């Protein structure tokens, strides 16, 4: 059987403790994965050479990243005592995660683009200053027009890396999330990764691509482990990313070293005028909900509109009700399988419980004529679900408020699940920004200057799209959740006496 080892200071290591991951559809073992314990992780991280990537310039690392992107897509790379082609990577990724192969390829292309466009990404993260400053440690922040003449902005900049080692505790739900930690390599920071249980494939292949492109293997650690090992990793690295649900991320909410990536609660917002023309926007809304199998924090989990909520819910529901449960290798597969049917059953039961509260109506199940929970072989699928939650209550109506002081919403109005799910909520445009709550991405379909001003001032929105832009469309030059450069580096005041 294929064995996936631990990577300790760049060297594969086979542990006595292993787990098996199986094919979601057949239950047959796909790979045996060595498991690291918390003591091993703590020791290894403490011994890492945190300056190993400083021998390279940022330009060198950018060039290596571009080479790595080509290798990621085309090369047969080491995997345990074997090699893995790109097509094998896609099949294995789909086999253990249940994601359709067509979605796996889309995520792989997102990873390739991060490799290839890393210079654009770094320009966005650093806001365009001269990256040679990170090589020297200091330099002039002159405008990119070249000379220091009129209109240029000069000033001495100095940064130091406060992350000796950067760690990430990764999920299994969507390979595209790896694009969030990858720029750390070009920023000269050694990496330690804890992969998701069913998704060791992408982080391993990314690491091997960097190594094959000429970067030192000692700069990378790969530690499949349990919850205790993940906690140890977060404790011993200097800066980290943690992906997980609300219960997982809550425990680390007060630790500034850990950048949290939990539920996104992304939304599509319509104003009074766009709501009148809602039929023009059904495609953008449906795409925001369904893209990537609904598994990403970028997916919309709610649609807020001042009017025509029922009509919008029915139209989106009719579009998404066309999606069927199909095998992962089917070209038209759009939703992922749950290899453990009990997970799908628990999510479905949570929605059913919420529907018992008055004021909500699931439109997709009625339009589809079948239940949202579908079985195909040994797997379970959750089919796209749209719930009309009606008007947002509270404010001037005198209705009670929720425990956080916001006006009451139906329990299903602000939920996020691991499949294409969205609520449709009616709320006056002028009240939306005070009621939507935490929102990773808001795609506001509006030309209303007052509403745009309210959105710009809203502290609950991390990324704002103005216009009919699907929530999943991101710009590489603008980080959509946190700023990795500011997480890894700290600016210092600096002066130097000019040479005589």
Protein backbone atom coordinates (compact mmCIF):
# COMPACT_ATOMS: atom_id res chain seq x y z
CA UNK A 1 0.00 0.00 0.00
CA UNK A 2 1.10 3.57 -0.67
CA UNK A 3 2.76 5.10 2.38
CA UNK A 4 2.84 8.85 3.06
CA UNK A 5 5.64 9.66 5.50
CA UNK A 6 6.27 12.46 7.93
CA UNK A 7 8.74 15.04 6.60
CA UNK A 8 11.28 15.93 9.30
CA UNK A 9 13.78 18.61 8.29
CA UNK A 10 13.11 17.62 4.70
CA UNK A 11 13.71 13.90 5.24
CA UNK A 12 10.93 11.30 4.96
CA UNK A 13 10.28 9.43 8.20
CA UNK A 14 8.11 6.36 8.73
CA UNK A 15 6.41 6.23 12.10
CA UNK A 16 5.25 3.19 14.02
CA UNK A 17 1.89 4.91 14.43
CA UNK A 18 -0.12 5.09 11.20
CA UNK A 19 -3.66 5.62 10.01
CA UNK A 20 -5.36 4.47 6.83
CA UNK A 21 -7.39 6.70 4.55
CA UNK A 22 -9.89 5.01 2.29
CA UNK A 23 -11.68 5.58 -1.00
CA UNK A 24 -14.91 7.44 -0.30
CA UNK A 25 -16.95 5.28 -2.68
CA UNK A 26 -15.50 1.80 -2.21
CA UNK A 27 -14.07 1.88 1.30
CA UNK A 28 -10.84 0.35 -0.03
CA UNK A 29 -7.61 1.64 1.59
CA UNK A 30 -5.84 4.26 -0.52
CA UNK A 31 -2.83 5.09 1.66
CA UNK A 32 -1.25 4.56 5.04
CA UNK A 33 -0.07 7.80 6.68
CA UNK A 34 2.62 8.01 9.36
CA UNK A 35 1.54 9.94 12.44
CA UNK A 36 3.67 12.38 14.41
CA UNK A 37 3.21 12.89 18.13
CA UNK A 38 3.31 16.23 19.90
CA UNK A 39 6.78 15.62 21.34
CA UNK A 40 8.28 15.00 17.90
CA UNK A 41 6.69 18.16 16.51
CA UNK A 42 7.93 20.30 19.40
CA UNK A 43 11.48 18.95 19.14
CA UNK A 44 11.70 19.26 15.37
CA UNK A 45 10.32 22.79 15.20
CA UNK A 46 12.73 23.89 17.92
CA UNK A 47 15.66 22.60 15.86
CA UNK A 48 14.67 24.08 12.50
CA UNK A 49 17.11 26.49 10.87
CA UNK A 50 14.89 29.54 10.73
CA UNK A 51 17.33 31.42 8.48
CA UNK A 52 17.60 28.73 5.83
CA UNK A 53 15.64 30.68 3.22
CA UNK A 54 17.48 33.94 3.92
CA UNK A 55 20.32 32.77 1.67
CA UNK A 56 17.94 33.49 -1.23
CA UNK A 57 16.74 36.88 -2.41
CA UNK A 58 13.02 37.45 -2.75
CA UNK A 59 13.58 37.51 -6.51
CA UNK A 60 15.22 34.06 -6.27
CA UNK A 61 12.25 32.72 -4.32
CA UNK A 62 9.77 34.21 -6.78
CA UNK A 63 11.60 32.51 -9.65
CA UNK A 64 11.64 29.21 -7.73
CA UNK A 65 7.92 29.53 -7.07
CA UNK A 66 7.22 29.95 -10.79
CA UNK A 67 9.31 26.86 -11.56
CA UNK A 68 7.49 24.97 -8.82
CA UNK A 69 4.15 25.85 -10.41
CA UNK A 70 5.15 24.18 -13.64
CA UNK A 71 6.37 21.12 -11.75
CA UNK A 72 3.20 20.93 -9.66
CA UNK A 73 1.16 20.64 -12.86
CA UNK A 74 3.41 18.44 -14.99
CA UNK A 75 6.04 16.51 -13.03
CA UNK A 76 6.07 13.11 -11.39
CA UNK A 77 7.12 14.03 -7.86
CA UNK A 78 8.24 11.91 -4.89
CA UNK A 79 5.49 10.42 -2.73
CA UNK A 80 6.80 8.04 -0.10
CA UNK A 81 8.83 5.36 -1.90
CA UNK A 82 7.04 6.07 -5.18
CA UNK A 83 6.35 8.99 -7.49
CA UNK A 84 3.06 10.70 -8.21
CA UNK A 85 1.96 12.20 -11.51
CA UNK A 86 -0.47 15.10 -11.64
CA UNK A 87 -3.31 12.88 -12.86
CA UNK A 88 -2.63 10.43 -10.02
CA UNK A 89 -2.73 13.36 -7.61
CA UNK A 90 -6.19 14.36 -8.89
CA UNK A 91 -7.54 10.81 -8.64
CA UNK A 92 -6.14 10.27 -5.13
CA UNK A 93 -7.37 13.67 -3.95
CA UNK A 94 -10.88 12.89 -5.20
CA UNK A 95 -10.78 9.35 -3.82
CA UNK A 96 -10.23 10.29 -0.18
CA UNK A 97 -12.10 13.63 -0.02
CA UNK A 98 -15.12 12.74 -2.11
CA UNK A 99 -14.70 15.90 -4.16
CA UNK A 100 -15.55 15.54 -7.88
CA UNK A 101 -12.45 15.31 -10.05
CA UNK A 102 -13.57 18.35 -12.06
CA UNK A 103 -13.60 20.42 -8.84
CA UNK A 104 -10.23 18.96 -7.80
CA UNK A 105 -8.76 20.15 -11.10
CA UNK A 106 -10.21 23.61 -10.57
CA UNK A 107 -8.60 23.82 -7.15
CA UNK A 108 -5.30 22.54 -8.54
CA UNK A 109 -5.36 25.34 -11.09
CA UNK A 110 -5.87 27.83 -8.26
CA UNK A 111 -2.76 26.44 -6.56
CA UNK A 112 -0.82 26.64 -9.84
CA UNK A 113 -1.84 30.27 -10.26
CA UNK A 114 -0.56 31.06 -6.77
CA UNK A 115 2.82 29.60 -7.75
CA UNK A 116 2.84 31.43 -11.09
CA UNK A 117 1.55 34.81 -9.92
CA UNK A 118 3.39 35.01 -6.63
CA UNK A 119 4.98 38.33 -7.61
CA UNK A 120 1.50 39.86 -7.98
CA UNK A 121 0.44 38.35 -4.65
CA UNK A 122 3.49 39.74 -2.84
CA UNK A 123 2.89 43.17 -4.33
CA UNK A 124 -0.61 43.08 -2.86
CA UNK A 125 0.53 41.80 0.54
CA UNK A 126 3.32 44.37 0.85
CA UNK A 127 1.37 47.18 -0.82
CA UNK A 128 3.94 47.45 -3.53
CA UNK A 129 7.13 48.47 -1.75
CA UNK A 130 10.51 47.46 -3.18
CA UNK A 131 10.93 43.81 -2.17
CA UNK A 132 14.71 44.08 -2.08
CA UNK A 133 14.11 45.83 1.25
CA UNK A 134 13.44 42.34 2.67
CA UNK A 135 16.84 41.20 1.36
CA UNK A 136 18.81 44.09 2.90
CA UNK A 137 16.55 44.63 5.88
CA UNK A 138 16.03 48.27 5.02
CA UNK A 139 15.71 50.63 2.08
CA UNK A 140 14.00 53.66 0.64
CA UNK A 141 10.29 53.43 -0.09
CA UNK A 142 10.48 55.31 -3.38
CA UNK A 143 7.55 55.30 -5.78
CA UNK A 144 7.80 52.67 -8.50
CA UNK A 145 8.04 55.42 -11.09
CA UNK A 146 11.75 55.09 -10.55
CA UNK A 147 13.30 58.44 -9.66
CA UNK A 148 12.99 60.29 -6.39
CA UNK A 149 11.70 63.40 -8.07
CA UNK A 150 8.47 65.31 -7.64
CA UNK A 151 5.52 63.12 -6.69
CA UNK A 152 7.63 60.29 -5.33
CA UNK A 153 7.12 59.15 -1.76
CA UNK A 154 10.39 58.58 0.04
CA UNK A 155 11.04 57.23 3.47
CA UNK A 156 13.26 54.67 5.07
CA UNK A 157 11.57 51.30 5.58
CA UNK A 158 12.88 48.45 7.69
CA UNK A 159 11.24 45.11 8.43
CA UNK A 160 12.24 42.08 10.45
CA UNK A 161 10.68 38.64 10.33
CA UNK A 162 8.95 37.92 13.62
CA UNK A 163 8.00 34.42 12.48
CA UNK A 164 11.02 32.18 13.01
CA UNK A 165 8.88 29.28 11.75
CA UNK A 166 5.37 29.47 10.30
CA UNK A 167 2.86 26.67 10.86
CA UNK A 168 -0.52 25.80 9.40
CA UNK A 169 -3.19 23.39 10.60
CA UNK A 170 -4.99 22.56 7.39
CA UNK A 171 -8.48 21.30 6.48
CA UNK A 172 -9.71 18.57 4.16
CA UNK A 173 -12.64 20.45 2.66
CA UNK A 174 -11.02 22.39 -0.21
CA UNK A 175 -7.48 22.27 -1.66
CA UNK A 176 -7.75 25.90 -2.75
CA UNK A 177 -7.10 27.08 0.82
CA UNK A 178 -3.42 26.18 0.42
CA UNK A 179 -2.97 29.33 -1.64
CA UNK A 180 -3.27 31.26 1.65
CA UNK A 181 -0.09 29.88 3.27
CA UNK A 182 2.05 29.38 0.15
CA UNK A 183 3.37 33.00 -0.05
CA UNK A 184 5.21 32.46 3.26
CA UNK A 185 7.90 30.58 1.33
CA UNK A 186 8.64 33.56 -0.93
CA UNK A 187 8.72 35.65 2.24
CA UNK A 188 11.69 33.57 3.47
CA UNK A 189 9.83 31.71 6.21
CA UNK A 190 10.28 27.96 6.88
CA UNK A 191 7.02 26.04 6.86
CA UNK A 192 5.54 23.34 9.12
CA UNK A 193 2.22 21.84 8.02
CA UNK A 194 -0.34 19.60 9.65
CA UNK A 195 -2.46 18.28 6.74
CA UNK A 196 -6.16 17.49 6.91
CA UNK A 197 -6.83 13.83 7.64
CA UNK A 198 -8.31 13.03 4.22
CA UNK A 199 -6.27 15.58 2.29
CA UNK A 200 -2.51 15.06 2.69
CA UNK A 201 -2.10 15.12 -1.09
CA UNK A 202 -2.04 18.85 -1.87
CA UNK A 203 0.30 20.11 0.88
CA UNK A 204 2.69 17.21 0.21
CA UNK A 205 2.76 17.90 -3.55
CA UNK A 206 3.20 21.64 -3.00
CA UNK A 207 6.20 20.99 -0.75
CA UNK A 208 7.73 18.56 -3.23
CA UNK A 209 7.24 21.10 -6.03
CA UNK A 210 9.16 23.72 -4.06
CA UNK A 211 11.96 21.24 -3.34
CA UNK A 212 12.14 20.10 -6.97
CA UNK A 213 12.37 23.77 -7.97
CA UNK A 214 15.62 24.11 -6.00
CA UNK A 215 14.62 25.14 -2.49
CA UNK A 216 16.20 23.34 0.49
CA UNK A 217 14.12 20.44 1.78
CA UNK A 218 15.12 21.39 5.34
CA UNK A 219 12.85 24.45 5.08
CA UNK A 220 9.74 22.25 5.12
CA UNK A 221 8.02 20.09 7.71
CA UNK A 222 5.02 17.86 7.11
CA UNK A 223 3.41 16.37 10.23
CA UNK A 224 0.20 14.34 9.96
CA UNK A 225 -1.05 14.16 13.54
CA UNK A 226 -4.02 14.16 15.89
CA UNK A 227 -5.66 17.05 17.78
CA UNK A 228 -2.96 17.04 20.46
CA UNK A 229 -0.25 17.23 17.81
CA UNK A 230 -2.05 20.07 16.05
CA UNK A 231 -2.25 22.00 19.31
CA UNK A 232 1.47 21.39 19.94
CA UNK A 233 2.30 22.73 16.47
CA UNK A 234 0.31 25.92 17.12
CA UNK A 235 2.06 26.40 20.44
CA UNK A 236 5.66 26.01 19.24
CA UNK A 237 5.64 27.99 15.98
CA UNK A 238 5.94 31.76 16.05
CA UNK A 239 3.06 32.47 13.67
CA UNK A 240 0.36 30.14 12.37
CA UNK A 241 -2.86 29.68 10.43
CA UNK A 242 -5.66 27.51 11.77
CA UNK A 243 -8.51 26.28 9.59
CA UNK A 244 -11.61 24.80 11.18
CA UNK A 245 -15.18 25.26 12.30
CA UNK A 246 -16.28 27.75 14.94
CA UNK A 247 -15.67 25.33 17.82
CA UNK A 248 -12.11 24.61 16.63
CA UNK A 249 -11.08 28.22 16.07
CA UNK A 250 -12.73 29.56 19.22
CA UNK A 251 -10.07 28.05 21.48
CA UNK A 252 -7.37 30.15 19.75
CA UNK A 253 -9.34 33.37 19.31
CA UNK A 254 -7.31 35.26 21.92
CA UNK A 255 -3.89 34.22 20.58
CA UNK A 256 -2.58 36.90 18.18
CA UNK A 257 0.05 34.50 16.82
CA UNK A 258 -2.68 32.39 15.20
CA UNK A 259 -4.59 33.68 12.19
CA UNK A 260 -8.01 32.03 12.21
CA UNK A 261 -9.84 30.80 9.13
CA UNK A 262 -13.24 29.61 10.26
CA UNK A 263 -16.72 29.97 8.77
CA UNK A 264 -16.92 32.82 6.28
CA UNK A 265 -20.61 33.72 6.38
CA UNK A 266 -20.13 35.34 2.98
CA UNK A 267 -23.16 37.06 1.50
CA UNK A 268 -24.73 38.58 -1.58
CA UNK A 269 -26.46 41.89 -0.81
CA UNK A 270 -29.06 43.58 -3.01
CA UNK A 271 -30.24 47.17 -2.66
CA UNK A 272 -33.73 48.49 -3.46
CA UNK A 273 -33.03 48.98 -7.17
CA UNK A 274 -31.22 45.68 -7.81
CA UNK A 275 -33.92 43.82 -5.89
CA UNK A 276 -36.48 45.11 -8.42
CA UNK A 277 -34.34 43.52 -11.16
CA UNK A 278 -33.47 40.40 -9.19
CA UNK A 279 -33.96 38.16 -12.23
CA UNK A 280 -30.82 39.70 -13.79
CA UNK A 281 -28.70 38.47 -10.88
CA UNK A 282 -29.83 34.86 -10.38
CA UNK A 283 -26.75 33.52 -12.18
CA UNK A 284 -24.27 35.43 -10.01
CA UNK A 285 -26.08 34.46 -6.83
CA UNK A 286 -26.38 30.77 -7.76
CA UNK A 287 -22.71 30.64 -8.77
CA UNK A 288 -21.68 32.21 -5.45
CA UNK A 289 -23.51 29.44 -3.61
CA UNK A 290 -22.61 26.43 -5.77
CA UNK A 291 -19.00 27.04 -6.88
CA UNK A 292 -16.43 24.56 -5.54
CA UNK A 293 -19.23 22.33 -4.32
CA UNK A 294 -20.20 24.93 -1.71
CA UNK A 295 -17.23 23.86 0.42
CA UNK A 296 -15.35 27.15 0.66
CA UNK A 297 -15.58 30.10 3.03
CA UNK A 298 -15.83 32.12 -0.19
CA UNK A 299 -19.22 30.61 -0.97
CA UNK A 300 -22.27 32.72 -0.20
CA UNK A 301 -24.27 31.27 2.67
CA UNK A 302 -26.90 34.03 2.65
CA UNK A 303 -28.64 36.45 0.31
CA UNK A 304 -29.95 39.68 1.83
CA UNK A 305 -32.51 41.71 -0.06
CA UNK A 306 -34.96 44.49 0.86
CA UNK A 307 -37.78 42.93 -1.17
CA UNK A 308 -38.79 40.05 -3.46
CA UNK A 309 -37.13 37.58 -1.12
CA UNK A 310 -39.61 34.81 -1.85
CA UNK A 311 -39.22 35.26 -5.61
CA UNK A 312 -35.42 35.29 -5.37
CA UNK A 313 -35.40 32.16 -3.22
CA UNK A 314 -37.67 30.36 -5.68
CA UNK A 315 -35.53 31.35 -8.69
CA UNK A 316 -32.23 30.38 -7.09
CA UNK A 317 -33.81 27.21 -5.77
CA UNK A 318 -35.06 26.27 -9.23
CA UNK A 319 -31.56 26.72 -10.64
CA UNK A 320 -29.80 24.73 -7.93
CA UNK A 321 -32.46 22.02 -7.82
CA UNK A 322 -31.04 20.80 -11.14
CA UNK A 323 -27.88 19.56 -9.38
CA UNK A 324 -27.81 15.79 -8.89
CA UNK A 325 -25.73 13.36 -6.85
CA UNK A 326 -23.19 11.94 -9.30
CA UNK A 327 -20.02 9.82 -8.96
CA UNK A 328 -16.85 11.81 -8.39
CA UNK A 329 -15.42 10.93 -11.79
CA UNK A 330 -18.51 12.21 -13.64
CA UNK A 331 -17.81 15.30 -15.76
CA UNK A 332 -20.99 17.02 -14.52
CA UNK A 333 -20.54 16.29 -10.80
CA UNK A 334 -21.02 19.47 -8.76
CA UNK A 335 -21.29 18.35 -5.14
CA UNK A 336 -18.95 16.27 -3.02
CA UNK A 337 -19.71 12.97 -1.34
CA UNK A 338 -19.61 12.44 2.41
CA UNK A 339 -17.67 9.22 2.90
CA UNK A 340 -19.17 9.05 6.39
CA UNK A 341 -22.96 9.21 5.87
CA UNK A 342 -23.46 10.10 9.53
CA UNK A 343 -21.85 13.50 8.95
CA UNK A 344 -24.30 14.29 6.16
CA UNK A 345 -27.18 12.96 8.25
CA UNK A 346 -26.20 15.19 11.19
CA UNK A 347 -26.02 18.30 9.01
CA UNK A 348 -29.39 17.48 7.43
CA UNK A 349 -30.93 16.93 10.86
CA UNK A 350 -29.66 20.33 12.01
CA UNK A 351 -31.41 21.99 9.08
CA UNK A 352 -34.61 20.02 9.74
CA UNK A 353 -34.55 21.15 13.35
CA UNK A 354 -34.19 24.77 12.25
CA UNK A 355 -37.10 24.41 9.85
CA UNK A 356 -39.35 23.56 12.78
CA UNK A 357 -39.00 27.17 13.91
CA UNK A 358 -41.72 29.29 12.27
CA UNK A 359 -40.72 31.69 9.52
CA UNK A 360 -38.54 29.48 7.29
CA UNK A 361 -39.32 27.47 4.16
CA UNK A 362 -36.96 25.19 2.27
CA UNK A 363 -37.75 25.79 -1.39
CA UNK A 364 -35.26 23.44 -3.08
CA UNK A 365 -36.62 20.22 -1.65
CA UNK A 366 -40.11 21.12 -2.86
CA UNK A 367 -38.89 22.16 -6.32
CA UNK A 368 -36.64 19.12 -6.70
CA UNK A 369 -39.24 16.69 -5.48
CA UNK A 370 -36.61 14.70 -3.56
CA UNK A 371 -34.93 15.00 -0.18
CA UNK A 372 -31.72 16.99 0.26
CA UNK A 373 -30.01 13.89 1.70
CA UNK A 374 -29.23 11.45 -1.10
CA UNK A 375 -27.37 8.14 -1.05
CA UNK A 376 -25.20 6.76 -3.83
CA UNK A 377 -23.59 3.47 -2.93
CA UNK A 378 -21.91 3.72 0.47
CA UNK A 379 -21.75 7.55 0.27
CA UNK A 380 -24.19 10.27 1.23
CA UNK A 381 -24.68 13.56 -0.59
CA UNK A 382 -26.31 16.79 0.50
CA UNK A 383 -27.98 18.47 -2.44
CA UNK A 384 -28.10 22.28 -2.73
CA UNK A 385 -30.49 23.81 -0.24
CA UNK A 386 -32.11 27.26 -0.30
CA UNK A 387 -34.13 28.36 2.73
CA UNK A 388 -36.35 31.42 2.60
CA UNK A 389 -36.18 32.98 6.06
CA UNK A 390 -38.43 35.96 5.46
CA UNK A 391 -38.04 39.44 6.96
CA UNK A 392 -35.35 40.28 9.49
CA UNK A 393 -37.21 41.15 12.68
CA UNK A 394 -36.29 43.68 15.31
CA UNK A 395 -35.37 47.33 15.28
CA UNK A 396 -38.52 49.46 15.12
CA UNK A 397 -40.83 46.43 15.23
CA UNK A 398 -40.29 45.98 18.94
CA UNK A 399 -39.31 42.33 18.56
CA UNK A 400 -36.71 40.96 20.92
CA UNK A 401 -33.04 41.03 20.05
CA UNK A 402 -30.55 38.17 20.01
CA UNK A 403 -28.02 37.64 22.77
CA UNK A 404 -25.36 39.67 20.93
CA UNK A 405 -27.62 42.72 20.78
CA UNK A 406 -28.48 42.39 17.10
CA UNK A 407 -32.10 42.12 15.92
CA UNK A 408 -33.48 38.61 15.88
CA UNK A 409 -32.91 36.39 12.85
CA UNK A 410 -34.30 32.97 12.12
CA UNK A 411 -31.85 30.25 13.32
CA UNK A 412 -31.18 29.23 9.70
CA UNK A 413 -30.58 32.78 8.46
CA UNK A 414 -26.92 32.93 9.42
CA UNK A 415 -25.66 29.37 9.17
CA UNK A 416 -22.90 27.84 7.08
CA UNK A 417 -22.59 24.18 6.15
CA UNK A 418 -20.17 22.01 4.17
CA UNK A 419 -22.31 21.93 1.02
CA UNK A 420 -24.20 24.47 -1.14
CA UNK A 421 -26.55 26.03 1.40
CA UNK A 422 -27.89 29.57 1.57
CA UNK A 423 -30.68 31.46 3.29
CA UNK A 424 -32.60 34.34 1.76
CA UNK A 425 -33.36 37.13 4.23
CA UNK A 426 -35.39 40.29 3.72
CA UNK A 427 -34.04 43.42 5.37
CA UNK A 428 -34.31 47.14 4.54
CA UNK A 429 -31.22 48.32 2.67
CA UNK A 430 -30.54 51.09 5.18
CA UNK A 431 -30.38 48.54 8.01
CA UNK A 432 -28.27 45.83 6.33
CA UNK A 433 -24.81 46.88 7.47
CA UNK A 434 -25.91 46.98 11.11
CA UNK A 435 -27.54 43.54 10.92
CA UNK A 436 -25.52 41.22 8.66
CA UNK A 437 -22.91 40.35 11.29
CA UNK A 438 -19.48 38.86 10.56
CA UNK A 439 -19.03 38.58 6.79
CA UNK A 440 -15.86 37.40 5.11
CA UNK A 441 -16.99 38.50 1.65
CA UNK A 442 -19.92 40.72 0.75
CA UNK A 443 -20.85 41.04 -2.91
CA UNK A 444 -23.12 44.07 -2.96
CA UNK A 445 -25.08 44.49 -6.18
CA UNK A 446 -25.67 48.22 -5.99
CA UNK A 447 -24.97 51.66 -7.43
CA UNK A 448 -26.49 53.45 -4.46
CA UNK A 449 -23.83 55.86 -3.20
CA UNK A 450 -25.29 56.00 0.29
CA UNK A 451 -25.40 52.21 0.57
CA UNK A 452 -21.85 51.95 -0.78
CA UNK A 453 -20.69 54.47 1.84
CA UNK A 454 -22.37 52.40 4.57
CA UNK A 455 -20.67 49.25 3.24
CA UNK A 456 -17.27 50.95 3.12
CA UNK A 457 -17.67 51.96 6.76
CA UNK A 458 -18.90 48.53 7.91
CA UNK A 459 -16.37 46.82 10.14
CA UNK A 460 -18.09 43.44 9.83
CA UNK A 461 -17.04 43.00 6.18
CA UNK A 462 -13.53 41.71 5.44
CA UNK A 463 -13.69 41.82 1.66
CA UNK A 464 -16.13 43.99 -0.29
CA UNK A 465 -17.18 43.52 -3.90
CA UNK A 466 -19.30 46.29 -5.44
CA UNK A 467 -21.33 45.08 -8.39
CA UNK A 468 -22.50 41.69 -9.69
CA UNK A 469 -19.28 39.89 -8.72
CA UNK A 470 -19.56 36.33 -7.43
CA UNK A 471 -18.22 35.93 -3.91
CA UNK A 472 -15.66 33.34 -5.02
CA UNK A 473 -13.89 35.67 -7.47
CA UNK A 474 -10.77 37.00 -5.76
CA UNK A 475 -7.90 39.20 -6.88
CA UNK A 476 -4.42 37.85 -6.26
CA UNK A 477 -3.15 41.34 -5.46
CA UNK A 478 -5.61 41.72 -2.57
CA UNK A 479 -5.62 39.26 0.36
CA UNK A 480 -9.18 38.22 1.15
CA UNK A 481 -8.66 37.17 4.76
CA UNK A 482 -5.87 38.69 6.80
CA UNK A 483 -2.49 39.80 5.50
CA UNK A 484 0.18 37.14 5.63
CA UNK A 485 3.06 39.61 5.26
CA UNK A 486 1.89 41.63 8.27
CA UNK A 487 1.45 38.34 10.14
CA UNK A 488 5.05 37.28 9.47
CA UNK A 489 6.89 40.60 9.50
CA UNK A 490 7.03 43.64 11.72
CA UNK A 491 8.09 47.13 10.71
CA UNK A 492 10.75 48.84 12.80
CA UNK A 493 11.88 52.42 12.98
CA UNK A 494 15.28 52.76 11.34
CA UNK A 495 17.91 55.41 10.65
CA UNK A 496 21.35 55.12 9.12
CA UNK A 497 24.11 57.69 8.93
CA UNK A 498 24.93 58.43 5.27
CA UNK A 499 28.41 57.51 4.16
CA UNK A 500 30.83 60.39 4.12
